[in-house]
Amino acid sequence: MDIIYVLVPLSLLLIGIAVLIFFWAVKSGQFEDMESPAHRILFDDDEPLSRHHDDSDQTPSDKP
């Protein structure tokens, strides 16, 4: 029964920290635009992210 005297304040402290983190996230604008990232995947990129090299112009290094 003595453990309850430790667990109740500890749980209140953790809830308080979670609430502070939530209000910090709201204040810093984390929840301002919830729809643009979801729609961004539907649009094509103008430039490719990486360029693939053609293997035909490279010489193999294992050639005897």
Protein backbone atom coordinates (compact mmCIF):
# COMPACT_ATOMS: atom_id res chain seq x y z
CA MET A 1 0.00 0.00 0.00
CA ASP A 2 2.98 2.29 0.51
CA ILE A 3 3.81 2.16 -3.19
CA ILE A 4 0.66 4.17 -3.93
CA TYR A 5 2.32 7.18 -2.27
CA VAL A 6 5.03 6.97 -4.91
CA LEU A 7 2.94 6.02 -7.94
CA VAL A 8 0.26 8.71 -7.63
CA PRO A 9 2.69 11.68 -7.55
CA LEU A 10 4.80 10.03 -10.25
CA SER A 11 1.79 9.59 -12.52
CA LEU A 12 0.69 13.19 -11.88
CA LEU A 13 4.19 14.37 -12.77
CA LEU A 14 4.19 12.37 -16.01
CA ILE A 15 0.74 13.67 -16.95
CA GLY A 16 1.90 17.22 -16.25
CA ILE A 17 4.95 16.73 -18.48
CA ALA A 18 2.76 15.30 -21.26
CA VAL A 19 0.39 18.28 -21.04
CA LEU A 20 3.31 20.73 -21.17
CA ILE A 21 4.74 18.99 -24.24
CA PHE A 22 1.31 19.09 -25.91
CA PHE A 23 0.90 22.82 -25.27
CA TRP A 24 4.44 23.45 -26.50
CA ALA A 25 3.63 21.57 -29.73
CA VAL A 26 0.45 23.58 -30.23
CA LYS A 27 2.24 26.86 -29.55
CA SER A 28 5.09 26.06 -31.95
CA GLY A 29 2.66 25.35 -34.82
CA GLN A 30 2.91 21.58 -35.10
CA PHE A 31 -0.83 21.26 -35.71
CA GLU A 32 -1.37 24.25 -37.98
CA ASP A 33 -1.58 22.51 -41.36
CA MET A 34 -2.79 18.95 -41.09
CA GLU A 35 -3.94 18.47 -44.70
CA SER A 36 -1.03 19.58 -46.90
CA PRO A 37 1.31 16.71 -45.98
CA ALA A 38 -1.45 14.22 -46.77
CA HIS A 39 -2.08 15.75 -50.20
CA ARG A 40 1.60 16.23 -51.02
CA ILE A 41 2.03 12.55 -51.84
CA LEU A 42 -0.51 12.83 -54.66
CA PHE A 43 1.54 15.33 -56.67
CA ASP A 44 4.47 14.36 -58.89
CA ASP A 45 7.87 15.89 -58.25
CA ASP A 46 9.33 18.04 -61.01
CA GLU A 47 12.83 16.64 -60.60
CA PRO A 48 13.79 13.12 -59.60
CA LEU A 49 15.36 12.79 -56.18
CA SER A 50 18.25 10.63 -57.39
CA ARG A 51 19.72 9.92 -60.77
CA HIS A 52 20.40 6.35 -61.77
CA HIS A 53 23.72 5.75 -63.48
CA ASP A 54 23.89 3.62 -66.57
CA ASP A 55 25.97 0.52 -65.82
CA SER A 56 27.10 0.13 -69.44
CA ASP A 57 29.59 3.00 -69.30
CA GLN A 58 31.31 1.74 -66.17
CA THR A 59 34.15 -0.74 -66.35
CA PRO A 60 34.07 -3.64 -63.92
CA SER A 61 36.87 -3.60 -61.38
CA ASP A 62 37.03 -7.41 -61.15
CA LYS A 63 38.24 -7.79 -64.73
CA PRO A 64 41.43 -9.96 -64.95
